[in-house]
Amino acid sequence: MAIANSCYIRNIQKSEQALLKKVGKKFSLNTTPSILMRVLKEFFNDQKTIEKQSRTILKLEQELSEAREELKDYKREVKVLFDIEDELSEQKNKLLQAI
């Protein structure tokens, strides 16, 4: 059985009919209705999983970008602290030489 506009399947729930209409635009299958419905449910579950994983990946990439920015800020702050330490060390040496 091929999925097409002229294809009619009986004794199928409304939600499953919606799946058939939706997938009919994507590809055609030659199979029995029961096998087709199992394949379609699995296909759409996989699609949802892929979408969730894509959102998770995007979220993790954003968190990584933010973490990199924080790391840059910390590196700047650490550099400033080392610069201050160097200045204080120089002043200490000057004071010791003056005494």
Protein backbone atom coordinates (compact mmCIF):
# COMPACT_ATOMS: atom_id res chain seq x y z
CA MET A 1 0.00 0.00 0.00
CA ALA A 2 1.44 3.37 -0.94
CA ILE A 3 0.66 6.51 0.98
CA ALA A 4 -0.99 8.96 -1.35
CA ASN A 5 -3.85 11.44 -1.39
CA SER A 6 -6.15 8.70 -2.68
CA CYS A 7 -5.20 6.19 0.04
CA TYR A 8 -7.85 5.33 2.62
CA ILE A 9 -7.27 3.16 5.70
CA ARG A 10 -10.13 2.07 7.94
CA ASN A 11 -10.29 1.48 11.69
CA ILE A 12 -7.46 3.85 12.52
CA GLN A 13 -7.63 6.39 15.32
CA LYS A 14 -7.81 10.09 14.54
CA SER A 15 -4.31 10.72 15.91
CA GLU A 16 -2.93 7.99 13.69
CA GLN A 17 -4.76 9.43 10.69
CA ALA A 18 -3.05 12.74 11.39
CA LEU A 19 0.31 10.96 11.40
CA LEU A 20 -0.49 9.37 8.06
CA LYS A 21 -1.40 12.71 6.51
CA LYS A 22 1.72 14.33 7.90
CA VAL A 23 4.08 11.60 6.76
CA GLY A 24 2.38 11.22 3.38
CA LYS A 25 4.09 14.44 2.36
CA LYS A 26 7.53 13.09 3.32
CA PHE A 27 7.81 9.61 1.82
CA SER A 28 5.91 6.56 0.56
CA LEU A 29 5.83 3.04 2.00
CA ASN A 30 4.48 -0.25 0.73
CA THR A 31 3.35 -2.14 3.83
CA THR A 32 0.36 -3.14 5.93
CA PRO A 33 -1.43 -0.51 8.02
CA SER A 34 -0.39 -2.03 11.37
CA ILE A 35 3.29 -2.15 10.43
CA LEU A 36 3.04 1.29 8.93
CA MET A 37 1.57 2.73 12.13
CA ARG A 38 4.34 1.20 14.24
CA VAL A 39 6.96 2.60 11.89
CA LEU A 40 5.32 6.02 11.89
CA LYS A 41 5.07 6.19 15.67
CA GLU A 42 8.72 5.23 15.96
CA PHE A 43 9.67 7.74 13.26
CA PHE A 44 7.89 10.62 14.99
CA ASN A 45 9.23 9.60 18.40
CA ASP A 46 12.72 9.63 16.90
CA GLN A 47 12.01 13.04 15.38
CA LYS A 48 10.95 14.38 18.79
CA THR A 49 14.06 12.90 20.37
CA ILE A 50 16.24 14.52 17.72
CA GLU A 51 14.53 17.88 18.30
CA LYS A 52 15.03 17.60 22.07
CA GLN A 53 18.68 16.67 21.58
CA SER A 54 19.14 19.60 19.21
CA ARG A 55 17.70 21.96 21.82
CA THR A 56 19.95 20.41 24.47
CA ILE A 57 23.00 20.81 22.22
CA LEU A 58 22.11 24.46 21.57
CA LYS A 59 21.67 25.08 25.31
CA LEU A 60 25.01 23.41 26.09
CA GLU A 61 26.75 25.43 23.37
CA GLN A 62 25.35 28.63 24.90
CA GLU A 63 26.51 27.56 28.36
CA LEU A 64 29.95 26.77 26.96
CA SER A 65 30.13 30.18 25.32
CA GLU A 66 29.15 31.86 28.59
CA ALA A 67 31.70 29.79 30.50
CA ARG A 68 34.42 30.82 28.04
CA GLU A 69 33.50 34.48 28.55
CA GLU A 70 33.66 34.01 32.33
CA LEU A 71 37.05 32.33 31.96
CA LYS A 72 38.32 35.30 29.94
CA ASP A 73 37.10 37.63 32.69
CA TYR A 74 38.82 35.53 35.37
CA LYS A 75 42.05 35.52 33.35
CA ARG A 76 41.92 39.32 33.15
CA GLU A 77 41.28 39.58 36.89
CA VAL A 78 44.15 37.20 37.67
CA LYS A 79 46.46 39.22 35.40
CA VAL A 80 45.45 42.40 37.24
CA LEU A 81 46.19 40.71 40.58
CA PHE A 82 49.64 39.62 39.36
CA ASP A 83 50.31 43.14 38.08
CA ILE A 84 49.36 44.57 41.46
CA GLU A 85 51.57 42.01 43.20
CA ASP A 86 54.49 42.98 40.94
CA GLU A 87 53.96 46.68 41.67
CA LEU A 88 53.82 46.05 45.41
CA SER A 89 56.96 43.93 45.19
CA GLU A 90 58.77 46.74 43.33
CA GLN A 91 57.62 49.30 45.91
CA LYS A 92 58.77 47.01 48.71
CA ASN A 93 62.20 46.65 47.08
CA LYS A 94 62.46 50.43 46.64
CA LEU A 95 61.55 50.99 50.28
CA LEU A 96 64.09 48.39 51.42
CA GLN A 97 66.79 50.06 49.31
CA ALA A 98 65.86 53.47 50.69
CA ILE A 99 66.22 52.27 54.26
